[in-house]
């Protein structure tokens, strides 16, 4: 794991930055559920595309990896949307 973090430091920094921004926006828009749902979908899309781009860059992309990122993003976004109901 340390090798992965050290070898892909820029990619993980971008991921942490994206997640932090989305979390702060989601929490900051608390009473506005429609805006929170947009942020939740945006978070899922950003996570999915980050995963795909990171794996394409490392030349290690498969359909299984793409499905994994898709369903993880779908689950995360779904949970956040469910919270706003």
N, C-alpha and C. Protein backbone atom coordinates (compact mmCIF):
# COMPACT_ATOMS: atom_id res chain seq x y z
N UNK A 1 0.83 -1.20 0.00
CA UNK A 1 0.00 0.00 0.00
C UNK A 1 0.87 1.26 0.00
N UNK A 2 1.95 1.24 0.76
CA UNK A 2 2.82 2.42 0.78
C UNK A 2 3.41 2.70 -0.59
N UNK A 3 3.77 1.61 -1.31
CA UNK A 3 4.30 1.80 -2.66
C UNK A 3 3.27 2.47 -3.55
N UNK A 4 2.02 2.02 -3.46
CA UNK A 4 0.95 2.61 -4.27
C UNK A 4 0.78 4.09 -3.95
N UNK A 5 0.75 4.41 -2.68
CA UNK A 5 0.58 5.81 -2.28
C UNK A 5 1.75 6.66 -2.77
N UNK A 6 2.95 6.17 -2.60
CA UNK A 6 4.13 6.93 -3.00
C UNK A 6 4.23 7.04 -4.52
N UNK A 7 3.92 5.97 -5.21
CA UNK A 7 4.05 5.92 -6.66
C UNK A 7 2.98 6.76 -7.35
N UNK A 8 1.80 6.86 -6.76
CA UNK A 8 0.68 7.59 -7.36
C UNK A 8 0.24 8.75 -6.47
N UNK A 9 1.20 9.46 -5.92
CA UNK A 9 0.92 10.55 -4.98
C UNK A 9 0.01 11.62 -5.58
N UNK A 10 0.24 12.03 -6.82
CA UNK A 10 -0.57 13.08 -7.43
C UNK A 10 -2.02 12.61 -7.60
N UNK A 11 -2.20 11.38 -8.05
CA UNK A 11 -3.56 10.87 -8.26
C UNK A 11 -4.33 10.82 -6.95
N UNK A 12 -3.70 10.34 -5.89
CA UNK A 12 -4.40 10.25 -4.60
C UNK A 12 -4.62 11.64 -3.99
N UNK A 13 -3.72 12.56 -4.24
CA UNK A 13 -3.92 13.93 -3.77
C UNK A 13 -5.14 14.54 -4.45
N UNK A 14 -5.27 14.31 -5.74
CA UNK A 14 -6.44 14.81 -6.47
C UNK A 14 -7.71 14.17 -5.93
N UNK A 15 -7.68 12.87 -5.66
CA UNK A 15 -8.86 12.19 -5.12
C UNK A 15 -9.25 12.76 -3.77
N UNK A 16 -8.29 12.95 -2.89
CA UNK A 16 -8.59 13.49 -1.56
C UNK A 16 -9.14 14.91 -1.68
N UNK A 17 -8.59 15.69 -2.58
CA UNK A 17 -9.08 17.05 -2.80
C UNK A 17 -10.52 17.04 -3.32
N UNK A 18 -10.81 16.17 -4.29
CA UNK A 18 -12.18 16.06 -4.81
C UNK A 18 -13.16 15.62 -3.73
N UNK A 19 -12.78 14.62 -2.96
CA UNK A 19 -13.66 14.14 -1.89
C UNK A 19 -13.89 15.22 -0.83
N UNK A 20 -12.84 15.91 -0.46
CA UNK A 20 -12.96 16.96 0.56
C UNK A 20 -13.88 18.08 0.08
N UNK A 21 -13.70 18.52 -1.15
CA UNK A 21 -14.54 19.59 -1.70
C UNK A 21 -16.01 19.16 -1.72
N UNK A 22 -16.26 17.95 -2.17
CA UNK A 22 -17.64 17.46 -2.23
C UNK A 22 -18.25 17.31 -0.83
N UNK A 23 -17.49 16.82 0.10
CA UNK A 23 -18.01 16.68 1.47
C UNK A 23 -18.34 18.04 2.06
N UNK A 24 -17.44 19.00 1.89
CA UNK A 24 -17.70 20.35 2.42
C UNK A 24 -18.92 20.98 1.75
N UNK A 25 -19.04 20.81 0.44
CA UNK A 25 -20.22 21.34 -0.25
C UNK A 25 -21.49 20.66 0.22
N UNK A 26 -21.45 19.35 0.34
CA UNK A 26 -22.62 18.59 0.77
C UNK A 26 -23.06 19.05 2.17
N UNK A 27 -22.13 19.18 3.08
CA UNK A 27 -22.47 19.60 4.44
C UNK A 27 -22.88 21.07 4.49
N UNK A 28 -22.24 21.89 3.66
CA UNK A 28 -22.54 23.32 3.66
C UNK A 28 -23.91 23.65 3.07
N UNK A 29 -24.42 22.78 2.23
CA UNK A 29 -25.72 23.02 1.60
C UNK A 29 -26.84 22.29 2.33
N UNK A 30 -26.69 22.12 3.63
CA UNK A 30 -27.56 21.26 4.41
C UNK A 30 -29.06 21.43 4.17
N UNK A 31 -29.65 22.59 4.29
CA UNK A 31 -31.12 22.59 4.16
C UNK A 31 -31.60 22.42 2.71
N UNK A 32 -30.74 22.57 1.74
CA UNK A 32 -31.14 22.52 0.33
C UNK A 32 -30.91 21.11 -0.23
N UNK A 33 -31.92 20.27 -0.11
CA UNK A 33 -31.76 18.87 -0.50
C UNK A 33 -31.53 18.68 -2.00
N UNK A 34 -32.12 19.54 -2.82
CA UNK A 34 -31.91 19.42 -4.27
C UNK A 34 -30.44 19.66 -4.61
N UNK A 35 -29.85 20.66 -4.01
CA UNK A 35 -28.43 20.96 -4.24
C UNK A 35 -27.55 19.83 -3.70
N UNK A 36 -27.93 19.25 -2.57
CA UNK A 36 -27.17 18.14 -2.02
C UNK A 36 -27.21 16.93 -2.94
N UNK A 37 -28.33 16.70 -3.58
CA UNK A 37 -28.44 15.57 -4.51
C UNK A 37 -27.55 15.78 -5.73
N UNK A 38 -27.48 17.02 -6.19
CA UNK A 38 -26.58 17.33 -7.31
C UNK A 38 -25.13 17.07 -6.91
N UNK A 39 -24.77 17.48 -5.70
CA UNK A 39 -23.40 17.24 -5.20
C UNK A 39 -23.15 15.74 -5.07
N UNK A 40 -24.14 14.99 -4.63
CA UNK A 40 -23.98 13.54 -4.49
C UNK A 40 -23.72 12.88 -5.84
N UNK A 41 -24.46 13.28 -6.86
CA UNK A 41 -24.25 12.74 -8.20
C UNK A 41 -22.89 13.18 -8.74
N UNK A 42 -22.54 14.42 -8.50
CA UNK A 42 -21.24 14.93 -8.92
C UNK A 42 -20.10 14.15 -8.26
N UNK A 43 -20.25 13.85 -7.00
CA UNK A 43 -19.24 13.07 -6.28
C UNK A 43 -19.08 11.70 -6.90
N UNK A 44 -20.19 11.05 -7.19
CA UNK A 44 -20.14 9.73 -7.81
C UNK A 44 -19.46 9.76 -9.17
N UNK A 45 -19.81 10.76 -9.97
CA UNK A 45 -19.19 10.89 -11.30
C UNK A 45 -17.70 11.17 -11.20
N UNK A 46 -17.33 12.08 -10.31
CA UNK A 46 -15.91 12.40 -10.13
C UNK A 46 -15.12 11.18 -9.68
N UNK A 47 -15.66 10.43 -8.73
CA UNK A 47 -14.96 9.24 -8.24
C UNK A 47 -14.81 8.21 -9.35
N UNK A 48 -15.87 7.99 -10.11
CA UNK A 48 -15.83 7.02 -11.20
C UNK A 48 -14.78 7.42 -12.24
N UNK A 49 -14.83 8.67 -12.70
CA UNK A 49 -13.90 9.11 -13.73
C UNK A 49 -12.46 9.19 -13.21
N UNK A 50 -12.29 9.55 -11.93
CA UNK A 50 -10.95 9.53 -11.35
C UNK A 50 -10.39 8.12 -11.39
N UNK A 51 -11.16 7.13 -11.00
CA UNK A 51 -10.70 5.75 -10.99
C UNK A 51 -10.34 5.26 -12.38
N UNK A 52 -11.19 5.57 -13.34
CA UNK A 52 -10.93 5.15 -14.72
C UNK A 52 -9.66 5.81 -15.24
N UNK A 53 -9.55 7.13 -15.06
CA UNK A 53 -8.36 7.84 -15.55
C UNK A 53 -7.09 7.38 -14.85
N UNK A 54 -7.16 7.14 -13.55
CA UNK A 54 -5.98 6.68 -12.83
C UNK A 54 -5.51 5.32 -13.34
N UNK A 55 -6.45 4.44 -13.64
CA UNK A 55 -6.07 3.12 -14.14
C UNK A 55 -5.64 3.15 -15.60
N UNK A 56 -6.23 4.03 -16.39
CA UNK A 56 -5.78 4.17 -17.78
C UNK A 56 -4.35 4.70 -17.79
N UNK A 57 -4.08 5.67 -16.93
CA UNK A 57 -2.73 6.24 -16.86
C UNK A 57 -1.70 5.19 -16.46
N UNK A 58 -2.07 4.30 -15.56
CA UNK A 58 -1.14 3.26 -15.12
C UNK A 58 -1.17 2.03 -16.04
N UNK A 59 -1.99 2.11 -17.10
CA UNK A 59 -2.12 1.03 -18.09
C UNK A 59 -2.57 -0.28 -17.45
N UNK A 60 -3.50 -0.16 -16.50
CA UNK A 60 -4.00 -1.34 -15.81
C UNK A 60 -5.52 -1.24 -15.66
N UNK A 61 -6.20 -1.08 -16.79
CA UNK A 61 -7.66 -0.95 -16.75
C UNK A 61 -8.30 -2.21 -17.34
N UNK A 62 -9.31 -2.69 -16.65
CA UNK A 62 -10.08 -3.83 -17.14
C UNK A 62 -11.57 -3.51 -16.96
N UNK A 63 -12.40 -4.32 -17.59
CA UNK A 63 -13.84 -4.13 -17.42
C UNK A 63 -14.25 -4.33 -15.97
N UNK A 64 -13.59 -5.26 -15.30
CA UNK A 64 -13.90 -5.53 -13.89
C UNK A 64 -13.59 -4.30 -13.02
N UNK A 65 -12.47 -3.65 -13.27
CA UNK A 65 -12.11 -2.45 -12.52
C UNK A 65 -13.11 -1.34 -12.79
N UNK A 66 -13.50 -1.18 -14.05
CA UNK A 66 -14.47 -0.14 -14.41
C UNK A 66 -15.81 -0.39 -13.71
N UNK A 67 -16.25 -1.67 -13.72
CA UNK A 67 -17.50 -2.00 -13.02
C UNK A 67 -17.38 -1.74 -11.52
N UNK A 68 -16.24 -2.05 -10.95
CA UNK A 68 -16.03 -1.83 -9.51
C UNK A 68 -16.17 -0.35 -9.17
N UNK A 69 -15.52 0.51 -9.95
CA UNK A 69 -15.63 1.95 -9.70
C UNK A 69 -17.05 2.45 -9.94
N UNK A 70 -17.71 1.92 -10.97
CA UNK A 70 -19.08 2.34 -11.26
C UNK A 70 -20.01 2.01 -10.10
N UNK A 71 -19.94 0.77 -9.63
CA UNK A 71 -20.86 0.37 -8.56
C UNK A 71 -20.51 1.00 -7.21
N UNK A 72 -19.23 1.24 -6.95
CA UNK A 72 -18.86 1.94 -5.72
C UNK A 72 -19.37 3.38 -5.77
N UNK A 73 -19.24 4.03 -6.92
CA UNK A 73 -19.74 5.40 -7.07
C UNK A 73 -21.26 5.43 -6.96
N UNK A 74 -21.92 4.44 -7.56
CA UNK A 74 -23.38 4.35 -7.49
C UNK A 74 -23.85 4.14 -6.05
N UNK A 75 -23.18 3.27 -5.34
CA UNK A 75 -23.54 3.01 -3.95
C UNK A 75 -23.34 4.26 -3.08
N UNK A 76 -22.19 4.90 -3.22
CA UNK A 76 -21.92 6.11 -2.43
C UNK A 76 -22.91 7.23 -2.73
N UNK A 77 -23.16 7.46 -4.01
CA UNK A 77 -24.12 8.50 -4.38
C UNK A 77 -25.52 8.14 -3.93
N UNK A 78 -25.86 6.88 -4.06
CA UNK A 78 -27.19 6.42 -3.63
C UNK A 78 -27.42 6.63 -2.14
N UNK A 79 -26.41 6.34 -1.35
CA UNK A 79 -26.53 6.53 0.10
C UNK A 79 -26.71 8.01 0.42
N UNK A 80 -25.92 8.86 -0.23
CA UNK A 80 -26.05 10.30 0.03
C UNK A 80 -27.41 10.82 -0.41
N UNK A 81 -27.89 10.36 -1.55
CA UNK A 81 -29.22 10.78 -2.01
C UNK A 81 -30.30 10.28 -1.06
N UNK A 82 -30.14 9.05 -0.58
CA UNK A 82 -31.11 8.49 0.38
C UNK A 82 -31.14 9.32 1.66
N UNK A 83 -30.01 9.83 2.09
CA UNK A 83 -29.95 10.68 3.29
C UNK A 83 -30.78 11.94 3.10
N UNK A 84 -30.85 12.45 1.87
CA UNK A 84 -31.54 13.73 1.63
C UNK A 84 -33.04 13.56 1.45
N UNK A 85 -33.55 12.36 1.46
CA UNK A 85 -35.00 12.16 1.28
C UNK A 85 -35.78 12.57 2.51
